[in-house]
Amino acid sequence: MPTTQLQLLGHASFRITTPEGRIILLDPWLTGNSFIPEDLRQPERADLVLITHGHDDHFDPELPALLARTGAKVVAPAPVRFYLYEQGIPPEQFEPMNVGGGIDVLDLRLTMTVAQHAAHVDLPGHKTGFRHEAVGYILAFSDNTVLYAAGDTGLFGDMRLLADLYHPTVALLPIGDRYTMGPREAAHAARLLRVPHVVPFHYGIFASLVGTPEQLQAHLTAADAVTVHVLQAGETLDLGGLYVK
């Protein structure tokens, strides 16, 4: 039986393949991104694109062209959606939603969650606009995988509520420090989430992102019962095969 597959494209960009074979792109930063293998920078297919926020290491300037080419549905914070409207993406291509809400889409249940991270969209001429708060997502798949994609965020206590409500089996957690959680905070996030599997991201590619997976592992104990899965750009993890009831 097919299972949910998670591929790290690079940095904070992921490709998710659902058990039904649907393709989800999470925060695709592809154009001119040397941290992503070249053969993964021009996807010809996407069924759903999830944007956590508009910073340029998560939000590709050529995203409108990708959306026009693939016809993918889009979920994003409202100001990012308004920006994409201005770029010519038609309203019917969006699944509008806001923090706390959930929708059924592409054979999965998608919930938008809060994230602690102020953001904006980078505009031409070194300008910024469309200010907003970043978001995260809970994706519940048909193979019982429940993925928490935290996005760029600091640690917050209501992660425990996410554990109580959604029972995530895998969490994507930023660990770079400075702009997001560092390894110590991410380890505590894993405890709050009571999640058995963590995939770290948003570290290593810039000198300012000093957190490492080894530091994350050092802040976890055997009692935490958390497995850290370190993916290299282009590598794929079978999330369905990790599922622990």
C-alpha atoms as a PDB file:
ATOM      1  CA  MET A   1       0.000   0.000   0.000  1.00  0.00           C
ATOM      2  CA  PRO A   2       1.458   3.428  -0.916  1.00  0.00           C
ATOM      3  CA  THR A   3       2.593   5.612   1.954  1.00  0.00           C
ATOM      4  CA  THR A   4       3.388   9.288   2.483  1.00  0.00           C
ATOM      5  CA  GLN A   5       6.823  10.282   1.171  1.00  0.00           C
ATOM      6  CA  LEU A   6       8.764  13.365   2.289  1.00  0.00           C
ATOM      7  CA  GLN A   7      11.606  14.710   0.149  1.00  0.00           C
ATOM      8  CA  LEU A   8      13.855  17.523   1.321  1.00  0.00           C
ATOM      9  CA  LEU A   9      14.477  19.742  -1.684  1.00  0.00           C
ATOM     10  CA  GLY A  10      16.809  21.953   0.324  1.00  0.00           C
ATOM     11  CA  HIS A  11      16.923  24.364   3.289  1.00  0.00           C
ATOM     12  CA  ALA A  12      13.191  24.715   4.105  1.00  0.00           C
ATOM     13  CA  SER A  13      11.628  23.442   0.868  1.00  0.00           C
ATOM     14  CA  PHE A  14       9.968  20.021   0.808  1.00  0.00           C
ATOM     15  CA  ARG A  15       8.121  17.829  -1.671  1.00  0.00           C
ATOM     16  CA  ILE A  16       5.463  15.553  -0.200  1.00  0.00           C
ATOM     17  CA  THR A  17       3.870  12.692  -2.117  1.00  0.00           C
ATOM     18  CA  THR A  18       0.583  11.525  -0.627  1.00  0.00           C
ATOM     19  CA  PRO A  19      -0.512   7.870  -0.549  1.00  0.00           C
ATOM     20  CA  GLU A  20      -2.854   8.751  -3.426  1.00  0.00           C
ATOM     21  CA  GLY A  21       0.061  10.049  -5.483  1.00  0.00           C
ATOM     22  CA  ARG A  22      -0.659  13.763  -5.117  1.00  0.00           C
ATOM     23  CA  ILE A  23       2.306  16.154  -5.063  1.00  0.00           C
ATOM     24  CA  ILE A  24       2.535  18.873  -2.405  1.00  0.00           C
ATOM     25  CA  LEU A  25       5.254  21.520  -2.415  1.00  0.00           C
ATOM     26  CA  LEU A  26       5.964  23.138   0.942  1.00  0.00           C
ATOM     27  CA  ASP A  27       7.681  26.554   0.842  1.00  0.00           C
ATOM     28  CA  PRO A  28       9.254  26.030  -2.572  1.00  0.00           C
ATOM     29  CA  TRP A  29      12.309  28.264  -2.978  1.00  0.00           C
ATOM     30  CA  LEU A  30      13.644  26.856  -6.208  1.00  0.00           C
ATOM     31  CA  THR A  31      14.819  29.554  -8.614  1.00  0.00           C
ATOM     32  CA  GLY A  32      18.496  30.323  -8.272  1.00  0.00           C
ATOM     33  CA  ASN A  33      18.717  28.198  -5.147  1.00  0.00           C
ATOM     34  CA  SER A  34      22.081  26.453  -5.266  1.00  0.00           C
ATOM     35  CA  PHE A  35      21.194  24.417  -2.174  1.00  0.00           C
ATOM     36  CA  ILE A  36      18.653  22.384  -4.173  1.00  0.00           C
ATOM     37  CA  PRO A  37      19.854  19.770  -6.688  1.00  0.00           C
ATOM     38  CA  GLU A  38      19.513  21.239 -10.169  1.00  0.00           C
ATOM     39  CA  ASP A  39      17.155  18.519 -11.410  1.00  0.00           C
ATOM     40  CA  LEU A  40      14.639  19.406  -8.663  1.00  0.00           C
ATOM     41  CA  ARG A  41      14.411  23.147  -9.372  1.00  0.00           C
ATOM     42  CA  GLN A  42      11.804  23.052 -12.148  1.00  0.00           C
ATOM     43  CA  PRO A  43       8.979  20.725 -11.064  1.00  0.00           C
ATOM     44  CA  GLU A  44       6.544  20.027 -13.864  1.00  0.00           C
ATOM     45  CA  ARG A  45       3.842  18.805 -11.528  1.00  0.00           C
ATOM     46  CA  ALA A  46       2.315  20.031  -8.282  1.00  0.00           C
ATOM     47  CA  ASP A  47      -1.211  19.561  -6.988  1.00  0.00           C
ATOM     48  CA  LEU A  48      -0.957  21.757  -3.878  1.00  0.00           C
ATOM     49  CA  VAL A  49       1.488  24.447  -2.762  1.00  0.00           C
ATOM     50  CA  LEU A  50       1.688  25.387   0.922  1.00  0.00           C
ATOM     51  CA  ILE A  51       3.353  28.655   1.892  1.00  0.00           C
ATOM     52  CA  THR A  52       4.192  29.364   5.530  1.00  0.00           C
ATOM     53  CA  HIS A  53       5.328  32.952   4.928  1.00  0.00           C
ATOM     54  CA  GLY A  54       6.719  35.320   2.327  1.00  0.00           C
ATOM     55  CA  HIS A  55      10.435  35.542   3.164  1.00  0.00           C
ATOM     56  CA  ASP A  56      12.580  34.971   0.101  1.00  0.00           C
ATOM     57  CA  ASP A  57      14.145  31.743   1.383  1.00  0.00           C
ATOM     58  CA  HIS A  58      10.659  30.184   1.490  1.00  0.00           C
ATOM     59  CA  PHE A  59       8.764  32.016  -1.230  1.00  0.00           C
ATOM     60  CA  ASP A  60      10.137  31.786  -4.753  1.00  0.00           C
ATOM     61  CA  PRO A  61       9.890  34.931  -6.908  1.00  0.00           C
ATOM     62  CA  GLU A  62       8.937  32.668  -9.822  1.00  0.00           C
ATOM     63  CA  LEU A  63       6.120  31.009  -7.870  1.00  0.00           C
ATOM     64  CA  PRO A  64       3.430  32.648 -10.033  1.00  0.00           C
ATOM     65  CA  ALA A  65       4.939  31.001 -13.101  1.00  0.00           C
ATOM     66  CA  LEU A  66       5.051  27.616 -11.331  1.00  0.00           C
ATOM     67  CA  LEU A  67       1.408  27.990 -10.317  1.00  0.00           C
ATOM     68  CA  ALA A  68       0.382  28.958 -13.829  1.00  0.00           C
ATOM     69  CA  ARG A  69       2.306  25.998 -15.270  1.00  0.00           C
ATOM     70  CA  THR A  70       0.995  23.361 -12.864  1.00  0.00           C
ATOM     71  CA  GLY A  71      -2.442  24.712 -11.938  1.00  0.00           C
ATOM     72  CA  ALA A  72      -1.710  23.739  -8.329  1.00  0.00           C
ATOM     73  CA  LYS A  73      -4.013  24.845  -5.557  1.00  0.00           C
ATOM     74  CA  VAL A  74      -2.423  27.282  -3.093  1.00  0.00           C
ATOM     75  CA  VAL A  75      -2.736  27.781   0.655  1.00  0.00           C
ATOM     76  CA  ALA A  76      -0.930  30.737   2.223  1.00  0.00           C
ATOM     77  CA  PRO A  77      -1.342  33.444   4.873  1.00  0.00           C
ATOM     78  CA  ALA A  78      -3.901  35.971   3.651  1.00  0.00           C
ATOM     79  CA  PRO A  79      -1.438  38.805   2.786  1.00  0.00           C
ATOM     80  CA  VAL A  80       0.646  36.388   0.696  1.00  0.00           C
ATOM     81  CA  ARG A  81      -2.535  35.320  -1.074  1.00  0.00           C
ATOM     82  CA  PHE A  82      -3.355  38.973  -1.791  1.00  0.00           C
ATOM     83  CA  TYR A  83       0.127  39.449  -3.247  1.00  0.00           C
ATOM     84  CA  LEU A  84      -0.355  36.448  -5.543  1.00  0.00           C
ATOM     85  CA  TYR A  85      -3.718  37.830  -6.644  1.00  0.00           C
ATOM     86  CA  GLU A  86      -1.837  40.944  -7.801  1.00  0.00           C
ATOM     87  CA  GLN A  87       0.553  38.692  -9.732  1.00  0.00           C
ATOM     88  CA  GLY A  88      -2.336  37.312 -11.753  1.00  0.00           C
ATOM     89  CA  ILE A  89      -3.082  34.023  -9.972  1.00  0.00           C
ATOM     90  CA  PRO A  90      -6.863  33.575 -10.221  1.00  0.00           C
ATOM     91  CA  PRO A  91      -8.930  33.356  -7.010  1.00  0.00           C
ATOM     92  CA  GLU A  92     -10.253  29.903  -7.910  1.00  0.00           C
ATOM     93  CA  GLN A  93      -6.705  28.500  -7.637  1.00  0.00           C
ATOM     94  CA  PHE A  94      -6.609  29.260  -3.900  1.00  0.00           C
ATOM     95  CA  GLU A  95      -7.940  27.455  -0.864  1.00  0.00           C
ATOM     96  CA  PRO A  96      -8.457  30.469   1.451  1.00  0.00           C
ATOM     97  CA  MET A  97      -8.104  29.706   5.147  1.00  0.00           C
ATOM     98  CA  ASN A  98      -6.733  31.208   8.355  1.00  0.00           C
ATOM     99  CA  VAL A  99      -5.056  30.124  11.575  1.00  0.00           C
ATOM    100  CA  GLY A 100      -7.110  27.580  13.486  1.00  0.00           C
ATOM    101  CA  GLY A 101      -9.154  26.519  10.470  1.00  0.00           C
ATOM    102  CA  GLY A 102      -9.066  23.208   8.656  1.00  0.00           C
ATOM    103  CA  ILE A 103     -10.123  21.930   5.249  1.00  0.00           C
ATOM    104  CA  ASP A 104     -10.371  18.608   3.457  1.00  0.00           C
ATOM    105  CA  VAL A 105      -8.293  18.765   0.288  1.00  0.00           C
ATOM    106  CA  LEU A 106      -6.570  16.153  -1.909  1.00  0.00           C
ATOM    107  CA  ASP A 107      -7.617  13.231   0.312  1.00  0.00           C
ATOM    108  CA  LEU A 108      -6.052  14.779   3.407  1.00  0.00           C
ATOM    109  CA  ARG A 109      -7.064  17.017   6.303  1.00  0.00           C
ATOM    110  CA  LEU A 110      -5.142  20.288   6.377  1.00  0.00           C
ATOM    111  CA  THR A 111      -5.077  22.620   9.383  1.00  0.00           C
ATOM    112  CA  MET A 112      -3.343  25.992   9.526  1.00  0.00           C
ATOM    113  CA  THR A 113      -1.558  26.684  12.807  1.00  0.00           C
ATOM    114  CA  VAL A 114       0.039  29.672  14.434  1.00  0.00           C
ATOM    115  CA  ALA A 115       3.800  30.285  14.148  1.00  0.00           C
ATOM    116  CA  GLN A 116       5.844  32.844  16.039  1.00  0.00           C
ATOM    117  CA  HIS A 117       7.651  34.619  13.214  1.00  0.00           C
ATOM    118  CA  ALA A 118       7.047  38.090  11.758  1.00  0.00           C
ATOM    119  CA  ALA A 119       7.277  38.163   7.982  1.00  0.00           C
ATOM    120  CA  HIS A 120       6.781  40.105   4.758  1.00  0.00           C
ATOM    121  CA  VAL A 121       6.979  39.625   1.008  1.00  0.00           C
ATOM    122  CA  ASP A 122      10.173  40.864  -0.648  1.00  0.00           C
ATOM    123  CA  LEU A 123       9.353  43.229  -3.490  1.00  0.00           C
ATOM    124  CA  PRO A 124      11.427  44.587  -6.388  1.00  0.00           C
ATOM    125  CA  GLY A 125      13.775  47.452  -5.640  1.00  0.00           C
ATOM    126  CA  HIS A 126      14.807  46.117  -2.235  1.00  0.00           C
ATOM    127  CA  LYS A 127      11.366  46.949  -0.834  1.00  0.00           C
ATOM    128  CA  THR A 128       9.062  44.900   1.356  1.00  0.00           C
ATOM    129  CA  GLY A 129       5.301  44.731   1.765  1.00  0.00           C
ATOM    130  CA  PHE A 130       2.342  42.524   2.622  1.00  0.00           C
ATOM    131  CA  ARG A 131       3.448  42.140   6.234  1.00  0.00           C
ATOM    132  CA  HIS A 132       2.058  39.130   8.081  1.00  0.00           C
ATOM    133  CA  GLU A 133       2.658  36.504  10.722  1.00  0.00           C
ATOM    134  CA  ALA A 134       3.998  33.168   9.527  1.00  0.00           C
ATOM    135  CA  VAL A 135       1.928  29.998   9.882  1.00  0.00           C
ATOM    136  CA  GLY A 136       2.469  26.262  10.184  1.00  0.00           C
ATOM    137  CA  TYR A 137       0.415  23.323   8.949  1.00  0.00           C
ATOM    138  CA  ILE A 138      -0.885  19.998  10.206  1.00  0.00           C
ATOM    139  CA  LEU A 139      -1.376  17.457   7.417  1.00  0.00           C
ATOM    140  CA  ALA A 140      -3.266  14.260   8.255  1.00  0.00           C
ATOM    141  CA  PHE A 141      -2.892  11.635   5.520  1.00  0.00           C
ATOM    142  CA  SER A 142      -4.863   8.499   4.706  1.00  0.00           C
ATOM    143  CA  ASP A 143      -2.042   6.193   5.895  1.00  0.00           C
ATOM    144  CA  ASN A 144      -2.351   7.605   9.458  1.00  0.00           C
ATOM    145  CA  THR A 145       0.705   9.830   9.041  1.00  0.00           C
ATOM    146  CA  VAL A 146       0.150  13.190  10.739  1.00  0.00           C
ATOM    147  CA  LEU A 147       2.813  15.697   9.731  1.00  0.00           C
ATOM    148  CA  TYR A 148       3.372  18.945  11.618  1.00  0.00           C
ATOM    149  CA  ALA A 149       5.199  21.422   9.391  1.00  0.00           C
ATOM    150  CA  ALA A 150       6.144  24.109  11.893  1.00  0.00           C
ATOM    151  CA  GLY A 151       7.548  26.592   9.388  1.00  0.00           C
ATOM    152  CA  ASP A 152       9.874  29.259  10.712  1.00  0.00           C
ATOM    153  CA  THR A 153       8.903  29.699  14.348  1.00  0.00           C
ATOM    154  CA  GLY A 154      10.068  30.187  17.866  1.00  0.00           C
ATOM    155  CA  LEU A 155       9.072  27.855  20.648  1.00  0.00           C
ATOM    156  CA  PHE A 156       5.549  28.364  22.018  1.00  0.00           C
ATOM    157  CA  GLY A 157       3.660  26.536  24.737  1.00  0.00           C
ATOM    158  CA  ASP A 158       0.564  25.853  22.653  1.00  0.00           C
ATOM    159  CA  MET A 159       2.510  23.199  20.803  1.00  0.00           C
ATOM    160  CA  ARG A 160       1.142  21.010  23.585  1.00  0.00           C
ATOM    161  CA  LEU A 161      -2.368  21.790  22.349  1.00  0.00           C
ATOM    162  CA  LEU A 162      -1.342  20.675  18.869  1.00  0.00           C
ATOM    163  CA  ALA A 163      -0.255  17.381  20.412  1.00  0.00           C
ATOM    164  CA  ASP A 164      -3.557  17.016  22.269  1.00  0.00           C
ATOM    165  CA  LEU A 165      -5.686  17.794  19.220  1.00  0.00           C
ATOM    166  CA  TYR A 166      -3.799  16.322  16.271  1.00  0.00           C
ATOM    167  CA  HIS A 167      -1.351  13.709  17.626  1.00  0.00           C
ATOM    168  CA  PRO A 168       1.437  14.351  15.098  1.00  0.00           C
ATOM    169  CA  THR A 169       3.653  11.426  14.194  1.00  0.00           C
ATOM    170  CA  VAL A 170       6.343  13.492  12.444  1.00  0.00           C
ATOM    171  CA  ALA A 171       7.408  17.118  12.961  1.00  0.00           C
ATOM    172  CA  LEU A 172       9.447  19.355  10.684  1.00  0.00           C
ATOM    173  CA  LEU A 173      11.240  21.716  13.081  1.00  0.00           C
ATOM    174  CA  PRO A 174      13.640  24.584  12.327  1.00  0.00           C
ATOM    175  CA  ILE A 175      16.884  24.431  14.306  1.00  0.00           C
ATOM    176  CA  GLY A 176      19.134  27.139  12.853  1.00  0.00           C
ATOM    177  CA  ASP A 177      18.783  29.619  15.759  1.00  0.00           C
ATOM    178  CA  ARG A 178      18.926  33.435  15.436  1.00  0.00           C
ATOM    179  CA  TYR A 179      15.773  33.668  13.255  1.00  0.00           C
ATOM    180  CA  THR A 180      13.941  30.568  14.541  1.00  0.00           C
ATOM    181  CA  MET A 181      14.219  27.992  17.282  1.00  0.00           C
ATOM    182  CA  GLY A 182      17.664  26.646  17.969  1.00  0.00           C
ATOM    183  CA  PRO A 183      18.426  23.011  18.806  1.00  0.00           C
ATOM    184  CA  ARG A 184      17.613  23.343  22.533  1.00  0.00           C
ATOM    185  CA  GLU A 185      14.237  24.928  21.844  1.00  0.00           C
ATOM    186  CA  ALA A 186      13.466  22.448  19.077  1.00  0.00           C
ATOM    187  CA  ALA A 187      14.161  19.566  21.458  1.00  0.00           C
ATOM    188  CA  HIS A 188      11.667  21.028  23.912  1.00  0.00           C
ATOM    189  CA  ALA A 189       9.191  21.533  21.063  1.00  0.00           C
ATOM    190  CA  ALA A 190       9.453  17.809  20.329  1.00  0.00           C
ATOM    191  CA  ARG A 191       8.595  17.100  23.968  1.00  0.00           C
ATOM    192  CA  LEU A 192       5.600  19.430  23.908  1.00  0.00           C
ATOM    193  CA  LEU A 193       4.401  17.864  20.670  1.00  0.00           C
ATOM    194  CA  ARG A 194       4.998  14.325  22.023  1.00  0.00           C
ATOM    195  CA  VAL A 195       6.153  13.437  18.531  1.00  0.00           C
ATOM    196  CA  PRO A 196       8.237  10.296  17.921  1.00  0.00           C
ATOM    197  CA  HIS A 197       9.972  11.543  14.766  1.00  0.00           C
ATOM    198  CA  VAL A 198      11.583  14.891  13.930  1.00  0.00           C
ATOM    199  CA  VAL A 199      13.074  16.142  10.672  1.00  0.00           C
ATOM    200  CA  PRO A 200      15.223  19.248  11.279  1.00  0.00           C
ATOM    201  CA  PHE A 201      15.463  21.993   8.654  1.00  0.00           C
ATOM    202  CA  HIS A 202      16.496  25.635   8.217  1.00  0.00           C
ATOM    203  CA  TYR A 203      20.104  25.213   9.297  1.00  0.00           C
ATOM    204  CA  GLY A 204      23.605  25.155   7.897  1.00  0.00           C
ATOM    205  CA  ILE A 205      23.278  26.931   4.562  1.00  0.00           C
ATOM    206  CA  PHE A 206      23.983  30.436   5.881  1.00  0.00           C
ATOM    207  CA  ALA A 207      26.744  31.246   8.355  1.00  0.00           C
ATOM    208  CA  SER A 208      24.198  32.794  10.741  1.00  0.00           C
ATOM    209  CA  LEU A 209      22.240  29.529  11.032  1.00  0.00           C
ATOM    210  CA  VAL A 210      24.499  27.882  13.570  1.00  0.00           C
ATOM    211  CA  GLY A 211      22.270  25.135  15.011  1.00  0.00           C
ATOM    212  CA  THR A 212      23.052  21.553  14.012  1.00  0.00           C
ATOM    213  CA  PRO A 213      21.234  18.206  14.104  1.00  0.00           C
ATOM    214  CA  GLU A 214      23.958  16.895  16.420  1.00  0.00           C
ATOM    215  CA  GLN A 215      23.128  19.630  18.921  1.00  0.00           C
ATOM    216  CA  LEU A 216      19.431  18.808  18.623  1.00  0.00           C
ATOM    217  CA  GLN A 217      20.180  15.157  19.356  1.00  0.00           C
ATOM    218  CA  ALA A 218      22.333  16.144  22.336  1.00  0.00           C
ATOM    219  CA  HIS A 219      19.405  18.023  23.880  1.00  0.00           C
ATOM    220  CA  LEU A 220      17.163  14.960  23.637  1.00  0.00           C
ATOM    221  CA  THR A 221      17.304  12.037  26.041  1.00  0.00           C
ATOM    222  CA  ALA A 222      16.359   8.399  25.708  1.00  0.00           C
ATOM    223  CA  ALA A 223      13.239   9.162  27.764  1.00  0.00           C
ATOM    224  CA  ASP A 224      12.071  11.597  25.085  1.00  0.00           C
ATOM    225  CA  ALA A 225      11.818   8.670  22.628  1.00  0.00           C
ATOM    226  CA  VAL A 226      12.422  10.945  19.630  1.00  0.00           C
ATOM    227  CA  THR A 227      14.204   9.806  16.491  1.00  0.00           C
ATOM    228  CA  VAL A 228      15.928  12.596  14.546  1.00  0.00           C
ATOM    229  CA  HIS A 229      16.001  12.035  10.784  1.00  0.00           C
ATOM    230  CA  VAL A 230      18.677  14.127   9.078  1.00  0.00           C
ATOM    231  CA  LEU A 231      17.954  14.493   5.367  1.00  0.00           C
ATOM    232  CA  GLN A 232      20.358  15.765   2.746  1.00  0.00           C
ATOM    233  CA  ALA A 233      19.005  17.801  -0.169  1.00  0.00           C
ATOM    234  CA  GLY A 234      17.195  15.436  -2.522  1.00  0.00           C
ATOM    235  CA  GLU A 235      16.778  12.606  -0.004  1.00  0.00           C
ATOM    236  CA  THR A 236      13.373  11.049   0.662  1.00  0.00           C
ATOM    237  CA  LEU A 237      11.931   9.639   3.878  1.00  0.00           C
ATOM    238  CA  ASP A 238       9.022   7.176   3.969  1.00  0.00           C
ATOM    239  CA  LEU A 239       6.774   8.768   6.594  1.00  0.00           C
ATOM    240  CA  GLY A 240       4.175   6.020   6.472  1.00  0.00           C
ATOM    241  CA  GLY A 241       6.852   3.507   7.358  1.00  0.00           C
ATOM    242  CA  LEU A 242       7.652   5.534  10.504  1.00  0.00           C
ATOM    243  CA  TYR A 243       4.113   5.534  11.830  1.00  0.00           C
ATOM    244  CA  VAL A 244       3.820   4.524  15.469  1.00  0.00           C
ATOM    245  CA  LYS A 245       0.299   4.197  16.848  1.00  0.00           C
END
